[in-house]
């Protein structure tokens, strides 16, 4: 499966990094933040520093961000775009989720500042897509970026190592983009949802 190849490539990139920044699109939503948390889960279990780059003032996922900040592993995981640009170095990996267009990302200056970039997205490739990415996992058949990240995590992570908040963050993105599993769903979407339930996601909490 393609997700296995992408998972191994992503893990190699992460392990070869001094730190990993993850960002979605501007005015981020549950799918962008949830997918970012999926990347952080892999970083956490690989022993690599991780930060989600998000403008909390414009994010529609603020309730999820606040919930994550209450968990020790994510207390200091969120960083402003301005801070990230200052601290990026040659070994920084930037993972862009839930968009493949440079003009849509949370912070274009950060994209320009990082020479190691991975893109994981479920939208069709735009005319202006991010070029020169070391990894591009762009699958328009998928319901959400969180579905793709869940498939990657299944290849790399022991299910018992996933934190409840990580499973719920990923499930929230799938639920948002499929309107509670009613649109754009396939067998893989339901598989991802079932996996996250087994990993401890509480559907009532997610709703």
Protein backbone atom coordinates (compact mmCIF):
# COMPACT_ATOMS: atom_id res chain seq x y z
CA UNK A 1 0.00 0.00 0.00
CA UNK A 2 1.08 3.52 -0.76
CA UNK A 3 0.48 4.58 2.84
CA UNK A 4 3.16 2.12 4.00
CA UNK A 5 5.75 3.63 1.64
CA UNK A 6 4.75 7.16 2.69
CA UNK A 7 4.83 6.20 6.37
CA UNK A 8 8.36 4.87 6.13
CA UNK A 9 9.55 7.90 4.15
CA UNK A 10 7.96 10.28 6.66
CA UNK A 11 9.47 8.46 9.62
CA UNK A 12 12.92 8.58 8.01
CA UNK A 13 12.57 12.34 7.43
CA UNK A 14 11.40 12.88 11.02
CA UNK A 15 14.21 10.87 12.58
CA UNK A 16 16.73 12.81 10.50
CA UNK A 17 15.50 16.17 11.83
CA UNK A 18 16.51 18.41 14.72
CA UNK A 19 12.83 19.32 15.15
CA UNK A 20 9.59 19.14 13.26
CA UNK A 21 7.15 21.95 12.59
CA UNK A 22 3.66 21.08 11.41
CA UNK A 23 1.19 23.56 9.95
CA UNK A 24 -2.07 23.48 8.06
CA UNK A 25 -3.93 26.19 6.20
CA UNK A 26 -4.84 29.64 7.47
CA UNK A 27 -8.07 29.73 9.52
CA UNK A 28 -7.25 26.18 10.55
CA UNK A 29 -10.01 23.72 11.37
CA UNK A 30 -10.27 20.36 13.14
CA UNK A 31 -8.91 18.48 10.13
CA UNK A 32 -5.81 20.68 9.86
CA UNK A 33 -5.06 20.66 13.60
CA UNK A 34 -6.05 17.00 14.02
CA UNK A 35 -3.73 15.94 11.18
CA UNK A 36 -0.95 18.06 12.69
CA UNK A 37 -1.40 16.19 15.97
CA UNK A 38 -1.11 12.91 14.04
CA UNK A 39 2.33 14.03 12.82
CA UNK A 40 3.25 15.06 16.38
CA UNK A 41 2.29 11.60 17.64
CA UNK A 42 4.88 10.05 15.29
CA UNK A 43 7.50 12.64 16.37
CA UNK A 44 6.76 12.06 20.05
CA UNK A 45 7.29 8.31 19.70
CA UNK A 46 10.42 8.89 17.58
CA UNK A 47 11.93 11.15 20.24
CA UNK A 48 12.00 14.24 17.99
CA UNK A 49 10.86 17.71 19.12
CA UNK A 50 7.58 18.85 17.55
CA UNK A 51 5.58 22.06 17.30
CA UNK A 52 2.23 22.83 15.71
CA UNK A 53 2.33 26.23 14.05
CA UNK A 54 -1.07 27.83 14.35
CA UNK A 55 -2.61 31.26 14.74
CA UNK A 56 -4.94 30.54 17.64
CA UNK A 57 -6.82 33.80 17.12
CA UNK A 58 -8.12 32.71 13.72
CA UNK A 59 -8.37 28.94 14.25
CA UNK A 60 -11.78 27.25 14.20
CA UNK A 61 -10.19 24.42 16.21
CA UNK A 62 -9.60 26.46 19.37
CA UNK A 63 -11.60 24.05 21.61
CA UNK A 64 -9.38 21.18 20.43
CA UNK A 65 -6.20 23.23 20.95
CA UNK A 66 -7.28 24.16 24.50
CA UNK A 67 -8.04 20.51 25.27
CA UNK A 68 -4.63 19.40 23.99
CA UNK A 69 -2.81 22.06 26.01
CA UNK A 70 -4.16 20.43 29.17
CA UNK A 71 -2.17 17.27 28.34
CA UNK A 72 1.50 17.31 29.48
CA UNK A 73 2.82 16.09 26.09
CA UNK A 74 1.14 19.03 24.32
CA UNK A 75 1.44 21.79 26.90
CA UNK A 76 4.21 23.52 24.94
CA UNK A 77 3.48 22.05 21.52
CA UNK A 78 1.79 25.08 19.96
CA UNK A 79 3.92 27.89 18.58
CA UNK A 80 3.13 31.11 16.78
CA UNK A 81 4.18 31.45 13.13
CA UNK A 82 6.53 34.31 14.05
CA UNK A 83 8.46 32.22 16.61
CA UNK A 84 8.82 29.32 14.22
CA UNK A 85 10.43 31.41 11.47
CA UNK A 86 13.08 32.63 13.91
CA UNK A 87 13.94 29.14 15.19
CA UNK A 88 13.94 27.17 11.93
CA UNK A 89 17.33 25.74 10.97
CA UNK A 90 18.78 23.55 8.22
CA UNK A 91 17.72 20.34 10.00
CA UNK A 92 14.14 21.47 10.61
CA UNK A 93 11.46 19.44 8.86
CA UNK A 94 8.25 21.28 7.98
CA UNK A 95 5.19 19.09 7.46
CA UNK A 96 2.27 20.82 5.72
CA UNK A 97 -1.12 19.15 6.22
CA UNK A 98 -4.59 19.70 4.74
CA UNK A 99 -3.43 21.99 1.92
CA UNK A 100 -0.89 21.74 -0.91
CA UNK A 101 -1.01 25.41 -1.96
CA UNK A 102 1.77 27.71 -0.75
CA UNK A 103 -0.53 30.74 -0.67
CA UNK A 104 -2.91 28.96 1.74
CA UNK A 105 -0.50 27.83 4.43
CA UNK A 106 -0.60 29.29 7.93
CA UNK A 107 2.76 31.07 7.44
CA UNK A 108 4.31 31.42 3.98
CA UNK A 109 7.56 32.83 5.38
CA UNK A 110 8.07 29.60 7.32
CA UNK A 111 7.53 27.56 4.16
CA UNK A 112 10.18 29.70 2.44
CA UNK A 113 12.55 29.35 5.41
CA UNK A 114 12.51 25.53 5.51
CA UNK A 115 14.38 23.55 2.88
CA UNK A 116 12.99 20.19 4.07
CA UNK A 117 9.24 19.96 3.49
CA UNK A 118 6.66 17.16 3.45
CA UNK A 119 3.07 17.62 2.26
CA UNK A 120 0.13 15.41 3.34
CA UNK A 121 -3.21 16.45 1.91
CA UNK A 122 -6.54 15.20 0.55
CA UNK A 123 -7.29 18.07 -1.85
CA UNK A 124 -6.58 17.89 -5.57
CA UNK A 125 -3.18 19.20 -6.55
CA UNK A 126 -3.55 22.89 -7.25
CA UNK A 127 -1.79 24.75 -10.08
CA UNK A 128 0.32 26.49 -7.45
CA UNK A 129 1.15 23.42 -5.35
CA UNK A 130 4.19 23.33 -3.04
CA UNK A 131 7.17 22.34 -5.20
CA UNK A 132 10.39 20.61 -4.11
CA UNK A 133 8.73 18.68 -1.28
CA UNK A 134 10.82 15.75 -0.01
CA UNK A 135 7.54 13.86 0.40
CA UNK A 136 4.18 14.53 -1.21
CA UNK A 137 1.31 12.31 -0.06
CA UNK A 138 -1.67 13.85 -1.84
CA UNK A 139 -4.71 11.58 -2.11
CA UNK A 140 -7.93 13.27 -3.24
CA UNK A 141 -9.91 10.05 -2.67
CA UNK A 142 -9.38 10.37 1.10
CA UNK A 143 -12.08 11.99 3.19
CA UNK A 144 -9.69 14.14 5.18
CA UNK A 145 -6.06 14.78 6.06
CA UNK A 146 -6.78 13.01 9.36
CA UNK A 147 -7.76 9.84 7.49
CA UNK A 148 -4.38 9.87 5.71
CA UNK A 149 -2.50 10.48 8.95
CA UNK A 150 -4.40 7.66 10.64
CA UNK A 151 -3.31 5.29 7.84
CA UNK A 152 0.30 6.42 8.27
CA UNK A 153 0.14 6.00 12.06
CA UNK A 154 -1.23 2.46 11.70
CA UNK A 155 1.97 1.57 9.83
CA UNK A 156 4.36 3.12 12.35
CA UNK A 157 2.92 3.18 15.83
CA UNK A 158 1.78 0.62 18.38
CA UNK A 159 -1.92 1.34 19.00
CA UNK A 160 -1.35 1.33 22.78
CA UNK A 161 1.19 4.16 22.43
CA UNK A 162 -1.36 6.60 21.00
CA UNK A 163 -2.67 9.11 23.53
CA UNK A 164 -6.44 9.41 23.89
CA UNK A 165 -6.21 13.10 22.97
CA UNK A 166 -4.31 12.24 19.77
CA UNK A 167 -6.89 9.65 18.71
CA UNK A 168 -9.69 12.15 19.42
CA UNK A 169 -7.94 14.94 17.51
CA UNK A 170 -7.66 12.69 14.43
CA UNK A 171 -11.24 11.45 14.74
CA UNK A 172 -12.54 15.02 15.06
CA UNK A 173 -10.98 15.90 11.68
CA UNK A 174 -12.57 12.89 10.00
CA UNK A 175 -15.98 13.63 11.56
CA UNK A 176 -15.80 17.28 10.47
CA UNK A 177 -14.85 16.59 6.86
CA UNK A 178 -17.33 13.72 6.43
CA UNK A 179 -20.16 15.44 8.36
CA UNK A 180 -20.26 12.53 10.83
CA UNK A 181 -19.49 9.84 8.25
CA UNK A 182 -22.30 10.88 5.88
CA UNK A 183 -20.34 12.31 2.91
CA UNK A 184 -17.10 11.48 1.08
CA UNK A 185 -16.63 8.26 3.02
CA UNK A 186 -15.13 5.02 1.76
CA UNK A 187 -14.21 1.74 3.37
CA UNK A 188 -10.88 3.25 4.42
CA UNK A 189 -12.64 6.12 6.19
CA UNK A 190 -14.60 3.69 8.35
CA UNK A 191 -11.46 1.61 8.92
CA UNK A 192 -9.65 4.72 10.15
CA UNK A 193 -12.56 5.64 12.42
CA UNK A 194 -12.70 2.13 13.89
CA UNK A 195 -8.94 2.15 14.48
CA UNK A 196 -9.15 5.47 16.35
CA UNK A 197 -11.98 4.13 18.48
CA UNK A 198 -9.78 1.17 19.41
CA UNK A 199 -6.98 3.64 20.18
CA UNK A 200 -9.20 5.23 22.82
CA UNK A 201 -11.11 8.01 21.05
CA UNK A 202 -14.43 8.76 22.75
CA UNK A 203 -16.98 9.70 20.08
CA UNK A 204 -19.17 11.65 22.52
CA UNK A 205 -16.15 13.69 23.57
CA UNK A 206 -15.19 14.29 19.93
CA UNK A 207 -18.68 15.55 19.02
